């Protein structure tokens, strides 16, 4: 428990440092390294979401296991089925939309092709989740995983997407074109609608802060911590999974800056939001005797 706490709070401090440094150096950093046509950066931007949502699919498979093999009331099993199916749909949609969407290889292929790419990994990870949890004896595992889902859902939907729609920070790719002036993360860009009509850009070009892609990568960290808490058999894989997750977060953050889609403060804020809620979720679980007795 102590190691997880140290890790989470250290990462939280690192993201705060990134926001502070970015507040002064965002534009200079992006001018030095960003290029909207950077193929490597775009590849990172489309592949890591599939990896992240594959982690979510494992949780979906776990809920299928709870519904099919678990000793629960029928009403609860119906709920498990709804959660599991919803997770599979969400995982497929949000990973598939990246490949040939505005933040990926835009117009290089029909959008439908992008949705076909992650189908196999999503289904495989769903089955893996079912396999890992079909004989799990922890009757409270579903509560732990549900808390983990809320630690993702609440900040992603209500904070990250909400802040994007309020701030309308222009991405570096259109700032660099000279279409609009640079804005700091705390500045509200009120004239974004005029810029959209004048320069033939889209609403997506005004969703720089905070970074949703980096938040998606941070989902992996949450799964790496909470899935082994729900299934003690997986404890031995927790440390390598956490190391892998941190690498994915850092690579995604760098990739989004390189792709001229986000600034340092954007990616730092995206990771900060989910890490903060991961800390809250973790503290709730370890301080609950009913959940903590199996950890």
C-alpha atoms as a PDB file:
ATOM      1  CA  UNK A   1       0.000   0.000   0.000  1.00  0.00           C
ATOM      2  CA  UNK A   2       2.781   2.402   0.902  1.00  0.00           C
ATOM      3  CA  UNK A   3       4.536   1.866  -2.447  1.00  0.00           C
ATOM      4  CA  UNK A   4       1.354   2.575  -4.409  1.00  0.00           C
ATOM      5  CA  UNK A   5       0.747   5.729  -2.394  1.00  0.00           C
ATOM      6  CA  UNK A   6       4.294   6.979  -2.983  1.00  0.00           C
ATOM      7  CA  UNK A   7       3.961   6.234  -6.684  1.00  0.00           C
ATOM      8  CA  UNK A   8       0.636   8.016  -7.116  1.00  0.00           C
ATOM      9  CA  UNK A   9       1.615  11.100  -5.130  1.00  0.00           C
ATOM     10  CA  UNK A  10       4.985  11.298  -6.916  1.00  0.00           C
ATOM     11  CA  UNK A  11       3.271  11.165 -10.305  1.00  0.00           C
ATOM     12  CA  UNK A  12       0.767  13.777  -9.162  1.00  0.00           C
ATOM     13  CA  UNK A  13       3.627  16.101  -8.186  1.00  0.00           C
ATOM     14  CA  UNK A  14       5.299  15.465 -11.536  1.00  0.00           C
ATOM     15  CA  UNK A  15       2.155  16.511 -13.420  1.00  0.00           C
ATOM     16  CA  UNK A  16       1.862  19.654 -11.281  1.00  0.00           C
ATOM     17  CA  UNK A  17       5.468  20.477 -12.159  1.00  0.00           C
ATOM     18  CA  UNK A  18       4.611  19.963 -15.829  1.00  0.00           C
ATOM     19  CA  UNK A  19       1.701  22.393 -15.560  1.00  0.00           C
ATOM     20  CA  UNK A  20       3.909  25.000 -13.852  1.00  0.00           C
ATOM     21  CA  UNK A  21       6.756  24.689 -16.372  1.00  0.00           C
ATOM     22  CA  UNK A  22       4.279  24.654 -19.245  1.00  0.00           C
ATOM     23  CA  UNK A  23       2.656  27.834 -17.979  1.00  0.00           C
ATOM     24  CA  UNK A  24       5.897  29.665 -18.794  1.00  0.00           C
ATOM     25  CA  UNK A  25       7.370  27.554 -21.605  1.00  0.00           C
ATOM     26  CA  UNK A  26       4.459  26.004 -23.541  1.00  0.00           C
ATOM     27  CA  UNK A  27       4.895  28.008 -26.724  1.00  0.00           C
ATOM     28  CA  UNK A  28       8.692  27.794 -26.828  1.00  0.00           C
ATOM     29  CA  UNK A  29       8.671  24.025 -26.314  1.00  0.00           C
ATOM     30  CA  UNK A  30       6.139  23.468 -29.069  1.00  0.00           C
ATOM     31  CA  UNK A  31       7.953  25.792 -31.462  1.00  0.00           C
ATOM     32  CA  UNK A  32      11.119  23.791 -30.904  1.00  0.00           C
ATOM     33  CA  UNK A  33       9.778  20.251 -31.393  1.00  0.00           C
ATOM     34  CA  UNK A  34       6.195  20.213 -32.715  1.00  0.00           C
ATOM     35  CA  UNK A  35       5.148  19.359 -36.270  1.00  0.00           C
ATOM     36  CA  UNK A  36       1.569  18.472 -37.213  1.00  0.00           C
ATOM     37  CA  UNK A  37       2.876  16.150 -39.945  1.00  0.00           C
ATOM     38  CA  UNK A  38       5.121  14.125 -37.624  1.00  0.00           C
ATOM     39  CA  UNK A  39       4.231  10.556 -38.623  1.00  0.00           C
ATOM     40  CA  UNK A  40       5.740   8.994 -35.504  1.00  0.00           C
ATOM     41  CA  UNK A  41       3.731  11.302 -33.247  1.00  0.00           C
ATOM     42  CA  UNK A  42       0.515  10.577 -35.136  1.00  0.00           C
ATOM     43  CA  UNK A  43       1.184   6.844 -34.903  1.00  0.00           C
ATOM     44  CA  UNK A  44       1.541   7.169 -31.137  1.00  0.00           C
ATOM     45  CA  UNK A  45      -1.683   9.155 -31.013  1.00  0.00           C
ATOM     46  CA  UNK A  46      -3.703   6.409 -32.695  1.00  0.00           C
ATOM     47  CA  UNK A  47      -2.089   3.266 -31.266  1.00  0.00           C
ATOM     48  CA  UNK A  48      -1.879   4.023 -27.540  1.00  0.00           C
ATOM     49  CA  UNK A  49      -5.648   4.678 -27.219  1.00  0.00           C
ATOM     50  CA  UNK A  50      -6.216   1.144 -28.524  1.00  0.00           C
ATOM     51  CA  UNK A  51      -3.818  -0.167 -25.866  1.00  0.00           C
ATOM     52  CA  UNK A  52      -5.542   1.922 -23.183  1.00  0.00           C
ATOM     53  CA  UNK A  53      -9.051   0.839 -24.142  1.00  0.00           C
ATOM     54  CA  UNK A  54      -7.853  -2.755 -24.348  1.00  0.00           C
ATOM     55  CA  UNK A  55      -7.158  -2.353 -20.638  1.00  0.00           C
ATOM     56  CA  UNK A  56     -10.723  -1.139 -20.213  1.00  0.00           C
ATOM     57  CA  UNK A  57     -11.915  -4.170 -22.191  1.00  0.00           C
ATOM     58  CA  UNK A  58     -10.272  -6.443 -19.594  1.00  0.00           C
ATOM     59  CA  UNK A  59     -12.544  -4.860 -17.004  1.00  0.00           C
ATOM     60  CA  UNK A  60     -15.484  -5.437 -19.340  1.00  0.00           C
ATOM     61  CA  UNK A  61     -14.542  -9.110 -19.574  1.00  0.00           C
ATOM     62  CA  UNK A  62     -14.389  -9.271 -15.784  1.00  0.00           C
ATOM     63  CA  UNK A  63     -17.970  -8.012 -15.574  1.00  0.00           C
ATOM     64  CA  UNK A  64     -19.028 -10.666 -18.082  1.00  0.00           C
ATOM     65  CA  UNK A  65     -17.443 -13.215 -15.739  1.00  0.00           C
ATOM     66  CA  UNK A  66     -19.322 -11.779 -12.752  1.00  0.00           C
ATOM     67  CA  UNK A  67     -22.581 -12.005 -14.712  1.00  0.00           C
ATOM     68  CA  UNK A  68     -22.065 -15.527 -16.089  1.00  0.00           C
ATOM     69  CA  UNK A  69     -20.067 -17.340 -13.401  1.00  0.00           C
ATOM     70  CA  UNK A  70     -20.555 -15.221 -10.310  1.00  0.00           C
ATOM     71  CA  UNK A  71     -22.816 -16.090  -7.381  1.00  0.00           C
ATOM     72  CA  UNK A  72     -24.879 -12.905  -7.376  1.00  0.00           C
ATOM     73  CA  UNK A  73     -28.554 -11.918  -7.474  1.00  0.00           C
ATOM     74  CA  UNK A  74     -30.217 -11.805 -10.892  1.00  0.00           C
ATOM     75  CA  UNK A  75     -30.727  -8.044 -10.709  1.00  0.00           C
ATOM     76  CA  UNK A  76     -27.036  -7.537 -10.041  1.00  0.00           C
ATOM     77  CA  UNK A  77     -26.122  -9.862 -12.899  1.00  0.00           C
ATOM     78  CA  UNK A  78     -28.265  -7.804 -15.261  1.00  0.00           C
ATOM     79  CA  UNK A  79     -26.325  -4.741 -14.112  1.00  0.00           C
ATOM     80  CA  UNK A  80     -23.045  -6.576 -14.772  1.00  0.00           C
ATOM     81  CA  UNK A  81     -24.152  -7.414 -18.315  1.00  0.00           C
ATOM     82  CA  UNK A  82     -25.075  -3.778 -18.980  1.00  0.00           C
ATOM     83  CA  UNK A  83     -21.710  -2.555 -17.671  1.00  0.00           C
ATOM     84  CA  UNK A  84     -19.787  -5.193 -19.658  1.00  0.00           C
ATOM     85  CA  UNK A  85     -21.572  -4.513 -22.950  1.00  0.00           C
ATOM     86  CA  UNK A  86     -21.240  -0.757 -22.435  1.00  0.00           C
ATOM     87  CA  UNK A  87     -17.509  -1.105 -21.832  1.00  0.00           C
ATOM     88  CA  UNK A  88     -16.974  -3.127 -25.013  1.00  0.00           C
ATOM     89  CA  UNK A  89     -18.906  -0.584 -27.096  1.00  0.00           C
ATOM     90  CA  UNK A  90     -17.079   2.375 -25.545  1.00  0.00           C
ATOM     91  CA  UNK A  91     -13.680   0.692 -25.963  1.00  0.00           C
ATOM     92  CA  UNK A  92     -14.324  -0.040 -29.624  1.00  0.00           C
ATOM     93  CA  UNK A  93     -15.747   3.401 -30.420  1.00  0.00           C
ATOM     94  CA  UNK A  94     -13.191   5.591 -28.674  1.00  0.00           C
ATOM     95  CA  UNK A  95     -10.191   3.625 -29.909  1.00  0.00           C
ATOM     96  CA  UNK A  96     -11.495   3.250 -33.454  1.00  0.00           C
ATOM     97  CA  UNK A  97     -12.307   6.920 -33.986  1.00  0.00           C
ATOM     98  CA  UNK A  98      -8.685   7.951 -33.527  1.00  0.00           C
ATOM     99  CA  UNK A  99      -7.096   6.293 -36.571  1.00  0.00           C
ATOM    100  CA  UNK A 100      -8.487   8.481 -39.329  1.00  0.00           C
ATOM    101  CA  UNK A 101     -10.060  11.231 -37.265  1.00  0.00           C
ATOM    102  CA  UNK A 102      -8.884  14.809 -36.880  1.00  0.00           C
ATOM    103  CA  UNK A 103      -6.168  13.843 -34.394  1.00  0.00           C
ATOM    104  CA  UNK A 104      -4.872  10.895 -36.416  1.00  0.00           C
ATOM    105  CA  UNK A 105      -4.207  10.213 -40.089  1.00  0.00           C
ATOM    106  CA  UNK A 106      -7.025  12.505 -41.126  1.00  0.00           C
ATOM    107  CA  UNK A 107      -8.739  11.609 -44.423  1.00  0.00           C
ATOM    108  CA  UNK A 108      -6.088   8.995 -45.287  1.00  0.00           C
ATOM    109  CA  UNK A 109      -8.833   6.359 -45.258  1.00  0.00           C
ATOM    110  CA  UNK A 110     -12.589   6.231 -44.567  1.00  0.00           C
ATOM    111  CA  UNK A 111     -13.470   6.623 -40.896  1.00  0.00           C
ATOM    112  CA  UNK A 112     -15.141   3.200 -40.878  1.00  0.00           C
ATOM    113  CA  UNK A 113     -11.758   1.565 -41.523  1.00  0.00           C
ATOM    114  CA  UNK A 114     -10.489   2.983 -38.248  1.00  0.00           C
ATOM    115  CA  UNK A 115     -13.299   1.315 -36.334  1.00  0.00           C
ATOM    116  CA  UNK A 116     -12.366  -2.059 -37.822  1.00  0.00           C
ATOM    117  CA  UNK A 117      -8.737  -1.933 -36.653  1.00  0.00           C
ATOM    118  CA  UNK A 118      -9.211  -2.321 -32.876  1.00  0.00           C
ATOM    119  CA  UNK A 119     -11.999  -4.923 -33.000  1.00  0.00           C
ATOM    120  CA  UNK A 120      -9.715  -7.953 -32.579  1.00  0.00           C
ATOM    121  CA  UNK A 121      -7.575  -6.586 -29.685  1.00  0.00           C
ATOM    122  CA  UNK A 122     -10.681  -5.305 -27.878  1.00  0.00           C
ATOM    123  CA  UNK A 123     -12.428  -8.686 -28.147  1.00  0.00           C
ATOM    124  CA  UNK A 124      -9.279 -10.585 -27.163  1.00  0.00           C
ATOM    125  CA  UNK A 125      -8.791  -8.440 -24.072  1.00  0.00           C
ATOM    126  CA  UNK A 126     -12.464  -8.833 -23.196  1.00  0.00           C
ATOM    127  CA  UNK A 127     -12.004 -12.607 -23.271  1.00  0.00           C
ATOM    128  CA  UNK A 128      -8.811 -12.286 -21.228  1.00  0.00           C
ATOM    129  CA  UNK A 129     -10.733 -10.359 -18.580  1.00  0.00           C
ATOM    130  CA  UNK A 130     -13.397 -13.059 -18.519  1.00  0.00           C
ATOM    131  CA  UNK A 131     -10.752 -15.778 -18.226  1.00  0.00           C
ATOM    132  CA  UNK A 132      -8.905 -14.020 -15.393  1.00  0.00           C
ATOM    133  CA  UNK A 133     -12.029 -13.436 -13.311  1.00  0.00           C
ATOM    134  CA  UNK A 134     -14.226 -16.446 -14.099  1.00  0.00           C
ATOM    135  CA  UNK A 135     -12.977 -18.300 -11.014  1.00  0.00           C
ATOM    136  CA  UNK A 136     -12.150 -15.311  -8.864  1.00  0.00           C
ATOM    137  CA  UNK A 137     -13.320 -15.867  -5.290  1.00  0.00           C
ATOM    138  CA  UNK A 138     -13.310 -12.222  -4.251  1.00  0.00           C
ATOM    139  CA  UNK A 139     -17.023 -11.376  -4.093  1.00  0.00           C
ATOM    140  CA  UNK A 140     -16.204  -7.681  -3.746  1.00  0.00           C
ATOM    141  CA  UNK A 141     -14.065  -7.562  -6.891  1.00  0.00           C
ATOM    142  CA  UNK A 142     -16.853  -5.925  -8.872  1.00  0.00           C
ATOM    143  CA  UNK A 143     -17.031  -3.067  -6.348  1.00  0.00           C
ATOM    144  CA  UNK A 144     -13.298  -2.413  -6.658  1.00  0.00           C
ATOM    145  CA  UNK A 145     -13.491  -2.399 -10.458  1.00  0.00           C
ATOM    146  CA  UNK A 146     -16.584  -0.201 -10.396  1.00  0.00           C
ATOM    147  CA  UNK A 147     -14.770   2.339  -8.230  1.00  0.00           C
ATOM    148  CA  UNK A 148     -11.899   2.245 -10.734  1.00  0.00           C
ATOM    149  CA  UNK A 149     -14.363   2.920 -13.560  1.00  0.00           C
ATOM    150  CA  UNK A 150     -15.776   5.912 -11.716  1.00  0.00           C
ATOM    151  CA  UNK A 151     -12.209   7.166 -11.153  1.00  0.00           C
ATOM    152  CA  UNK A 152     -11.961   7.315 -14.946  1.00  0.00           C
ATOM    153  CA  UNK A 153     -15.487   8.270 -15.964  1.00  0.00           C
ATOM    154  CA  UNK A 154     -16.047  11.232 -13.642  1.00  0.00           C
ATOM    155  CA  UNK A 155     -12.858  13.197 -14.431  1.00  0.00           C
ATOM    156  CA  UNK A 156     -12.855  12.318 -18.140  1.00  0.00           C
ATOM    157  CA  UNK A 157     -16.473  13.220 -18.897  1.00  0.00           C
ATOM    158  CA  UNK A 158     -17.161  16.014 -16.460  1.00  0.00           C
ATOM    159  CA  UNK A 159     -13.751  17.645 -16.046  1.00  0.00           C
ATOM    160  CA  UNK A 160     -11.578  17.036 -19.090  1.00  0.00           C
ATOM    161  CA  UNK A 161     -14.326  17.302 -21.700  1.00  0.00           C
ATOM    162  CA  UNK A 162     -16.070  20.031 -19.731  1.00  0.00           C
ATOM    163  CA  UNK A 163     -12.951  22.190 -19.424  1.00  0.00           C
ATOM    164  CA  UNK A 164     -12.208  21.742 -23.140  1.00  0.00           C
ATOM    165  CA  UNK A 165     -15.642  23.122 -24.026  1.00  0.00           C
ATOM    166  CA  UNK A 166     -15.221  26.051 -21.662  1.00  0.00           C
ATOM    167  CA  UNK A 167     -11.631  27.144 -22.336  1.00  0.00           C
ATOM    168  CA  UNK A 168     -11.478  26.523 -26.127  1.00  0.00           C
ATOM    169  CA  UNK A 169      -7.690  26.686 -26.094  1.00  0.00           C
ATOM    170  CA  UNK A 170      -6.408  26.653 -29.710  1.00  0.00           C
ATOM    171  CA  UNK A 171      -4.052  23.816 -30.557  1.00  0.00           C
ATOM    172  CA  UNK A 172      -0.501  24.665 -31.572  1.00  0.00           C
ATOM    173  CA  UNK A 173      -1.122  23.337 -35.093  1.00  0.00           C
ATOM    174  CA  UNK A 174      -3.398  26.302 -35.891  1.00  0.00           C
ATOM    175  CA  UNK A 175      -1.440  28.788 -33.776  1.00  0.00           C
ATOM    176  CA  UNK A 176       1.654  27.882 -35.781  1.00  0.00           C
ATOM    177  CA  UNK A 177      -0.247  28.550 -39.012  1.00  0.00           C
ATOM    178  CA  UNK A 178      -0.894  32.090 -37.829  1.00  0.00           C
ATOM    179  CA  UNK A 179      -4.660  31.625 -37.753  1.00  0.00           C
ATOM    180  CA  UNK A 180      -5.100  32.501 -34.082  1.00  0.00           C
ATOM    181  CA  UNK A 181      -2.884  33.867 -31.296  1.00  0.00           C
ATOM    182  CA  UNK A 182      -1.354  31.641 -28.631  1.00  0.00           C
ATOM    183  CA  UNK A 183      -3.405  31.351 -25.464  1.00  0.00           C
ATOM    184  CA  UNK A 184      -2.244  30.214 -22.033  1.00  0.00           C
ATOM    185  CA  UNK A 185      -4.197  27.343 -20.485  1.00  0.00           C
ATOM    186  CA  UNK A 186      -6.062  29.631 -18.093  1.00  0.00           C
ATOM    187  CA  UNK A 187      -7.224  32.039 -20.842  1.00  0.00           C
ATOM    188  CA  UNK A 188     -10.695  31.604 -22.315  1.00  0.00           C
ATOM    189  CA  UNK A 189     -10.649  31.970 -26.121  1.00  0.00           C
ATOM    190  CA  UNK A 190     -14.023  33.571 -26.780  1.00  0.00           C
ATOM    191  CA  UNK A 191     -13.620  34.199 -30.524  1.00  0.00           C
ATOM    192  CA  UNK A 192     -13.200  30.564 -31.539  1.00  0.00           C
ATOM    193  CA  UNK A 193     -16.448  30.502 -33.558  1.00  0.00           C
ATOM    194  CA  UNK A 194     -15.263  33.383 -35.724  1.00  0.00           C
ATOM    195  CA  UNK A 195     -11.938  31.627 -36.287  1.00  0.00           C
ATOM    196  CA  UNK A 196     -13.734  28.440 -37.353  1.00  0.00           C
ATOM    197  CA  UNK A 197     -15.640  30.263 -40.084  1.00  0.00           C
ATOM    198  CA  UNK A 198     -12.696  32.417 -41.182  1.00  0.00           C
ATOM    199  CA  UNK A 199      -9.951  29.790 -41.441  1.00  0.00           C
ATOM    200  CA  UNK A 200     -11.846  26.601 -42.266  1.00  0.00           C
ATOM    201  CA  UNK A 201     -10.811  24.874 -39.037  1.00  0.00           C
ATOM    202  CA  UNK A 202     -12.998  22.780 -36.730  1.00  0.00           C
ATOM    203  CA  UNK A 203     -14.158  22.780 -33.118  1.00  0.00           C
ATOM    204  CA  UNK A 204     -11.599  20.031 -32.512  1.00  0.00           C
ATOM    205  CA  UNK A 205      -8.854  22.597 -33.145  1.00  0.00           C
ATOM    206  CA  UNK A 206      -9.996  24.456 -30.040  1.00  0.00           C
ATOM    207  CA  UNK A 207      -9.796  21.568 -27.562  1.00  0.00           C
ATOM    208  CA  UNK A 208      -6.162  21.759 -26.576  1.00  0.00           C
ATOM    209  CA  UNK A 209      -6.535  21.960 -22.791  1.00  0.00           C
ATOM    210  CA  UNK A 210      -6.465  19.480 -21.161  1.00  0.00           C
ATOM    211  CA  UNK A 211      -5.252  16.485 -23.174  1.00  0.00           C
ATOM    212  CA  UNK A 212      -7.830  13.731 -23.521  1.00  0.00           C
ATOM    213  CA  UNK A 213      -5.330  11.387 -25.161  1.00  0.00           C
ATOM    214  CA  UNK A 214      -2.954  11.618 -22.207  1.00  0.00           C
ATOM    215  CA  UNK A 215      -5.864  10.999 -19.861  1.00  0.00           C
ATOM    216  CA  UNK A 216      -6.724   7.886 -21.887  1.00  0.00           C
ATOM    217  CA  UNK A 217      -3.150   6.643 -21.518  1.00  0.00           C
ATOM    218  CA  UNK A 218      -3.397   7.265 -17.771  1.00  0.00           C
ATOM    219  CA  UNK A 219      -6.308   4.821 -17.671  1.00  0.00           C
ATOM    220  CA  UNK A 220      -3.680   2.087 -17.998  1.00  0.00           C
ATOM    221  CA  UNK A 221      -2.129   3.142 -14.695  1.00  0.00           C
ATOM    222  CA  UNK A 222      -5.498   2.914 -12.968  1.00  0.00           C
ATOM    223  CA  UNK A 223      -6.107  -0.567 -14.356  1.00  0.00           C
ATOM    224  CA  UNK A 224      -2.592  -1.660 -13.392  1.00  0.00           C
ATOM    225  CA  UNK A 225      -3.289  -0.701  -9.791  1.00  0.00           C
ATOM    226  CA  UNK A 226      -6.919  -1.736  -9.339  1.00  0.00           C
ATOM    227  CA  UNK A 227      -7.258  -4.948 -11.370  1.00  0.00           C
ATOM    228  CA  UNK A 228      -4.687  -6.749  -9.153  1.00  0.00           C
ATOM    229  CA  UNK A 229      -6.537  -5.379  -6.120  1.00  0.00           C
ATOM    230  CA  UNK A 230      -9.671  -7.136  -7.380  1.00  0.00           C
ATOM    231  CA  UNK A 231      -7.827 -10.368  -8.196  1.00  0.00           C
ATOM    232  CA  UNK A 232      -4.905 -11.181  -5.904  1.00  0.00           C
ATOM    233  CA  UNK A 233      -3.599 -13.770  -8.387  1.00  0.00           C
ATOM    234  CA  UNK A 234      -2.543 -10.832 -10.554  1.00  0.00           C
ATOM    235  CA  UNK A 235      -0.534  -9.118  -7.792  1.00  0.00           C
ATOM    236  CA  UNK A 236       2.732 -10.466  -9.213  1.00  0.00           C
ATOM    237  CA  UNK A 237       2.039  -8.625 -12.458  1.00  0.00           C
ATOM    238  CA  UNK A 238       1.199  -5.300 -10.824  1.00  0.00           C
ATOM    239  CA  UNK A 239       4.691  -3.781 -10.769  1.00  0.00           C
ATOM    240  CA  UNK A 240       5.604  -4.525 -14.422  1.00  0.00           C
ATOM    241  CA  UNK A 241       2.116  -3.374 -15.469  1.00  0.00           C
ATOM    242  CA  UNK A 242       2.594  -0.084 -13.611  1.00  0.00           C
ATOM    243  CA  UNK A 243       6.016   0.461 -15.213  1.00  0.00           C
ATOM    244  CA  UNK A 244       4.512  -0.235 -18.649  1.00  0.00           C
ATOM    245  CA  UNK A 245       1.650   2.182 -17.913  1.00  0.00           C
ATOM    246  CA  UNK A 246       3.959   5.007 -16.902  1.00  0.00           C
ATOM    247  CA  UNK A 247       5.968   4.492 -20.105  1.00  0.00           C
ATOM    248  CA  UNK A 248       2.754   4.698 -22.155  1.00  0.00           C
ATOM    249  CA  UNK A 249       1.728   7.921 -20.398  1.00  0.00           C
ATOM    250  CA  UNK A 250       5.098   9.562 -21.039  1.00  0.00           C
ATOM    251  CA  UNK A 251       5.208   8.412 -24.673  1.00  0.00           C
ATOM    252  CA  UNK A 252       1.664   9.617 -25.288  1.00  0.00           C
ATOM    253  CA  UNK A 253       2.368  12.982 -23.663  1.00  0.00           C
ATOM    254  CA  UNK A 254       5.476  13.467 -25.788  1.00  0.00           C
ATOM    255  CA  UNK A 255       3.664  12.300 -28.908  1.00  0.00           C
ATOM    256  CA  UNK A 256       0.829  14.778 -28.471  1.00  0.00           C
ATOM    257  CA  UNK A 257       3.302  17.646 -28.119  1.00  0.00           C
ATOM    258  CA  UNK A 258       5.306  16.450 -31.129  1.00  0.00           C
ATOM    259  CA  UNK A 259       2.094  16.228 -33.174  1.00  0.00           C
ATOM    260  CA  UNK A 260       1.352  19.921 -32.469  1.00  0.00           C
ATOM    261  CA  UNK A 261      -1.916  18.879 -30.865  1.00  0.00           C
ATOM    262  CA  UNK A 262      -1.107  19.797 -27.267  1.00  0.00           C
ATOM    263  CA  UNK A 263       1.248  21.811 -25.088  1.00  0.00           C
ATOM    264  CA  UNK A 264       3.182  20.584 -22.058  1.00  0.00           C
ATOM    265  CA  UNK A 265       0.586  22.029 -19.683  1.00  0.00           C
ATOM    266  CA  UNK A 266      -2.199  20.256 -21.629  1.00  0.00           C
ATOM    267  CA  UNK A 267      -0.715  16.775 -21.330  1.00  0.00           C
ATOM    268  CA  UNK A 268       0.289  17.375 -17.714  1.00  0.00           C
ATOM    269  CA  UNK A 269      -3.250  18.455 -16.814  1.00  0.00           C
ATOM    270  CA  UNK A 270      -4.762  15.456 -18.600  1.00  0.00           C
ATOM    271  CA  UNK A 271      -2.659  13.031 -16.576  1.00  0.00           C
ATOM    272  CA  UNK A 272      -3.096  15.058 -13.364  1.00  0.00           C
ATOM    273  CA  UNK A 273      -6.880  14.803 -13.478  1.00  0.00           C
ATOM    274  CA  UNK A 274      -7.024  11.011 -13.659  1.00  0.00           C
ATOM    275  CA  UNK A 275      -4.163  10.493 -11.204  1.00  0.00           C
ATOM    276  CA  UNK A 276      -5.944  12.704  -8.675  1.00  0.00           C
ATOM    277  CA  UNK A 277      -9.103  10.614  -8.928  1.00  0.00           C
ATOM    278  CA  UNK A 278      -7.035   7.415  -8.823  1.00  0.00           C
ATOM    279  CA  UNK A 279      -5.683   8.594  -5.465  1.00  0.00           C
ATOM    280  CA  UNK A 280      -9.194   9.292  -4.201  1.00  0.00           C
ATOM    281  CA  UNK A 281     -10.406   5.865  -5.367  1.00  0.00           C
ATOM    282  CA  UNK A 282      -7.393   4.114  -3.849  1.00  0.00           C
ATOM    283  CA  UNK A 283      -7.894   5.797  -0.474  1.00  0.00           C
ATOM    284  CA  UNK A 284     -11.593   4.863  -0.496  1.00  0.00           C
ATOM    285  CA  UNK A 285     -10.785   1.196  -1.099  1.00  0.00           C
ATOM    286  CA  UNK A 286      -7.954   0.749   1.401  1.00  0.00           C
ATOM    287  CA  UNK A 287      -9.926   2.528   4.133  1.00  0.00           C
ATOM    288  CA  UNK A 288     -13.001   0.354   3.608  1.00  0.00           C
ATOM    289  CA  UNK A 289     -12.754  -2.750   5.817  1.00  0.00           C
ATOM    290  CA  UNK A 290     -15.131  -4.738   3.615  1.00  0.00           C
ATOM    291  CA  UNK A 291     -12.978  -4.171   0.549  1.00  0.00           C
ATOM    292  CA  UNK A 292      -9.621  -4.065   2.286  1.00  0.00           C
ATOM    293  CA  UNK A 293      -9.948  -7.436   4.031  1.00  0.00           C
ATOM    294  CA  UNK A 294      -9.127  -9.272   0.814  1.00  0.00           C
ATOM    295  CA  UNK A 295      -6.180  -7.061  -0.192  1.00  0.00           C
END
